[in-house]
């Protein structure tokens, strides 16, 4: 019985530590947590999920990464899956709702 309580206590401490880490990181501006309002094709997340957004350098972005971006026809940011990265200009490309490649606005 005491081993079960110790395990539950350790799990609770780990959960509180994770929440504290996200809170501190968000407070200093390193990253922030945001609800997933919309996502593009190929992104497998639920609308009720929480996304932790972390800034990355453009040279670190690879095909298959999921970024927060503003598609051309959308007035809001959404999670999009990068399908290609131009090796010369480092422009990234995603797929629109019709499956055509597009260059989203990444800030």
C-alpha atoms as a PDB file:
ATOM      1  CA  UNK A   1       0.000   0.000   0.000  1.00  0.00           C
ATOM      2  CA  UNK A   2       2.789   2.451   0.799  1.00  0.00           C
ATOM      3  CA  UNK A   3       4.502   1.697  -2.522  1.00  0.00           C
ATOM      4  CA  UNK A   4       1.287   2.608  -4.339  1.00  0.00           C
ATOM      5  CA  UNK A   5       1.037   5.865  -2.397  1.00  0.00           C
ATOM      6  CA  UNK A   6       4.672   6.687  -3.112  1.00  0.00           C
ATOM      7  CA  UNK A   7       4.093   6.086  -6.821  1.00  0.00           C
ATOM      8  CA  UNK A   8       0.997   8.268  -6.804  1.00  0.00           C
ATOM      9  CA  UNK A   9       2.874  10.997  -4.958  1.00  0.00           C
ATOM     10  CA  UNK A  10       5.771  10.829  -7.442  1.00  0.00           C
ATOM     11  CA  UNK A  11       3.323  11.085 -10.351  1.00  0.00           C
ATOM     12  CA  UNK A  12       1.612  14.080  -8.790  1.00  0.00           C
ATOM     13  CA  UNK A  13       4.958  15.805  -8.186  1.00  0.00           C
ATOM     14  CA  UNK A  14       6.005  15.166 -11.805  1.00  0.00           C
ATOM     15  CA  UNK A  15       2.716  16.595 -13.076  1.00  0.00           C
ATOM     16  CA  UNK A  16       3.011  19.718 -10.959  1.00  0.00           C
ATOM     17  CA  UNK A  17       6.638  20.143 -12.059  1.00  0.00           C
ATOM     18  CA  UNK A  18       5.626  19.912 -15.738  1.00  0.00           C
ATOM     19  CA  UNK A  19       2.891  22.523 -15.270  1.00  0.00           C
ATOM     20  CA  UNK A  20       5.326  24.771 -13.393  1.00  0.00           C
ATOM     21  CA  UNK A  21       7.914  24.428 -16.181  1.00  0.00           C
ATOM     22  CA  UNK A  22       5.398  25.439 -18.856  1.00  0.00           C
ATOM     23  CA  UNK A  23       4.174  28.333 -16.703  1.00  0.00           C
ATOM     24  CA  UNK A  24       7.671  29.665 -16.048  1.00  0.00           C
ATOM     25  CA  UNK A  25       8.650  29.298 -19.705  1.00  0.00           C
ATOM     26  CA  UNK A  26       5.523  31.125 -20.799  1.00  0.00           C
ATOM     27  CA  UNK A  27       6.115  33.866 -18.235  1.00  0.00           C
ATOM     28  CA  UNK A  28       9.587  34.658 -19.547  1.00  0.00           C
ATOM     29  CA  UNK A  29       8.436  34.506 -23.168  1.00  0.00           C
ATOM     30  CA  UNK A  30      10.484  31.529 -24.313  1.00  0.00           C
ATOM     31  CA  UNK A  31       7.413  29.553 -25.349  1.00  0.00           C
ATOM     32  CA  UNK A  32       3.697  29.658 -24.807  1.00  0.00           C
ATOM     33  CA  UNK A  33       0.803  27.250 -24.616  1.00  0.00           C
ATOM     34  CA  UNK A  34      -2.186  27.776 -26.854  1.00  0.00           C
ATOM     35  CA  UNK A  35      -5.328  25.757 -27.607  1.00  0.00           C
ATOM     36  CA  UNK A  36      -5.448  24.096 -31.004  1.00  0.00           C
ATOM     37  CA  UNK A  37      -8.154  26.011 -32.825  1.00  0.00           C
ATOM     38  CA  UNK A  38      -7.486  24.819 -36.366  1.00  0.00           C
ATOM     39  CA  UNK A  39      -5.019  22.685 -38.235  1.00  0.00           C
ATOM     40  CA  UNK A  40      -4.121  21.974 -41.817  1.00  0.00           C
ATOM     41  CA  UNK A  41      -3.959  18.730 -43.774  1.00  0.00           C
ATOM     42  CA  UNK A  42      -1.659  16.048 -42.368  1.00  0.00           C
ATOM     43  CA  UNK A  43      -1.698  17.366 -38.787  1.00  0.00           C
ATOM     44  CA  UNK A  44      -3.026  14.667 -36.477  1.00  0.00           C
ATOM     45  CA  UNK A  45      -4.210  16.572 -33.383  1.00  0.00           C
ATOM     46  CA  UNK A  46      -7.604  17.081 -31.832  1.00  0.00           C
ATOM     47  CA  UNK A  47      -9.189  20.524 -31.599  1.00  0.00           C
ATOM     48  CA  UNK A  48      -9.383  20.139 -27.817  1.00  0.00           C
ATOM     49  CA  UNK A  49      -5.604  19.587 -27.455  1.00  0.00           C
ATOM     50  CA  UNK A  50      -3.076  22.074 -26.106  1.00  0.00           C
ATOM     51  CA  UNK A  51      -0.037  23.020 -28.188  1.00  0.00           C
ATOM     52  CA  UNK A  52       3.204  24.298 -26.672  1.00  0.00           C
ATOM     53  CA  UNK A  53       4.677  26.737 -29.205  1.00  0.00           C
ATOM     54  CA  UNK A  54       8.479  27.098 -29.191  1.00  0.00           C
ATOM     55  CA  UNK A  55      10.391  29.496 -31.464  1.00  0.00           C
ATOM     56  CA  UNK A  56      12.856  27.838 -33.855  1.00  0.00           C
ATOM     57  CA  UNK A  57      15.435  29.164 -36.282  1.00  0.00           C
ATOM     58  CA  UNK A  58      14.482  28.934 -39.972  1.00  0.00           C
ATOM     59  CA  UNK A  59      17.525  26.746 -40.678  1.00  0.00           C
ATOM     60  CA  UNK A  60      16.240  24.142 -38.186  1.00  0.00           C
ATOM     61  CA  UNK A  61      12.915  23.578 -39.989  1.00  0.00           C
ATOM     62  CA  UNK A  62      12.688  20.290 -41.879  1.00  0.00           C
ATOM     63  CA  UNK A  63      10.013  18.585 -43.970  1.00  0.00           C
ATOM     64  CA  UNK A  64       7.575  16.817 -41.648  1.00  0.00           C
ATOM     65  CA  UNK A  65       7.774  19.444 -38.892  1.00  0.00           C
ATOM     66  CA  UNK A  66       4.568  20.976 -37.554  1.00  0.00           C
ATOM     67  CA  UNK A  67       4.570  24.782 -37.261  1.00  0.00           C
ATOM     68  CA  UNK A  68       2.131  27.502 -36.296  1.00  0.00           C
ATOM     69  CA  UNK A  69       1.558  29.539 -39.463  1.00  0.00           C
ATOM     70  CA  UNK A  70      -1.015  31.641 -41.278  1.00  0.00           C
ATOM     71  CA  UNK A  71      -2.130  30.061 -44.581  1.00  0.00           C
ATOM     72  CA  UNK A  72      -2.824  32.424 -47.489  1.00  0.00           C
ATOM     73  CA  UNK A  73      -6.602  32.082 -47.449  1.00  0.00           C
ATOM     74  CA  UNK A  74      -7.023  31.963 -43.648  1.00  0.00           C
ATOM     75  CA  UNK A  75      -7.342  34.972 -41.407  1.00  0.00           C
ATOM     76  CA  UNK A  76      -5.995  33.083 -38.410  1.00  0.00           C
ATOM     77  CA  UNK A  77      -2.971  31.003 -37.489  1.00  0.00           C
ATOM     78  CA  UNK A  78      -3.196  27.235 -37.496  1.00  0.00           C
ATOM     79  CA  UNK A  79      -0.937  24.229 -37.133  1.00  0.00           C
ATOM     80  CA  UNK A  80       0.452  23.193 -40.514  1.00  0.00           C
ATOM     81  CA  UNK A  81       2.707  20.340 -41.597  1.00  0.00           C
ATOM     82  CA  UNK A  82       5.768  21.299 -43.622  1.00  0.00           C
ATOM     83  CA  UNK A  83       5.951  19.180 -46.781  1.00  0.00           C
ATOM     84  CA  UNK A  84       9.020  20.779 -48.391  1.00  0.00           C
ATOM     85  CA  UNK A  85      11.823  23.230 -47.603  1.00  0.00           C
ATOM     86  CA  UNK A  86      13.677  25.113 -50.350  1.00  0.00           C
ATOM     87  CA  UNK A  87      17.371  24.364 -49.854  1.00  0.00           C
ATOM     88  CA  UNK A  88      18.481  27.714 -51.302  1.00  0.00           C
ATOM     89  CA  UNK A  89      16.041  30.256 -49.822  1.00  0.00           C
ATOM     90  CA  UNK A  90      14.831  28.118 -46.876  1.00  0.00           C
ATOM     91  CA  UNK A  91      11.209  28.920 -47.779  1.00  0.00           C
ATOM     92  CA  UNK A  92       8.780  26.363 -46.386  1.00  0.00           C
ATOM     93  CA  UNK A  93       5.793  24.890 -48.182  1.00  0.00           C
ATOM     94  CA  UNK A  94       2.611  23.279 -46.890  1.00  0.00           C
ATOM     95  CA  UNK A  95      -0.474  21.837 -48.552  1.00  0.00           C
ATOM     96  CA  UNK A  96      -3.730  23.773 -48.769  1.00  0.00           C
ATOM     97  CA  UNK A  97      -7.170  22.192 -48.345  1.00  0.00           C
ATOM     98  CA  UNK A  98      -7.189  21.109 -52.015  1.00  0.00           C
ATOM     99  CA  UNK A  99      -3.758  19.418 -51.712  1.00  0.00           C
ATOM    100  CA  UNK A 100      -1.825  22.090 -53.633  1.00  0.00           C
ATOM    101  CA  UNK A 101       1.495  23.376 -52.276  1.00  0.00           C
ATOM    102  CA  UNK A 102       1.492  26.882 -50.796  1.00  0.00           C
ATOM    103  CA  UNK A 103       3.892  29.133 -48.922  1.00  0.00           C
ATOM    104  CA  UNK A 104       2.352  30.120 -45.572  1.00  0.00           C
ATOM    105  CA  UNK A 105       3.105  33.278 -43.625  1.00  0.00           C
ATOM    106  CA  UNK A 106       5.398  32.335 -40.738  1.00  0.00           C
ATOM    107  CA  UNK A 107       6.183  34.998 -38.176  1.00  0.00           C
END
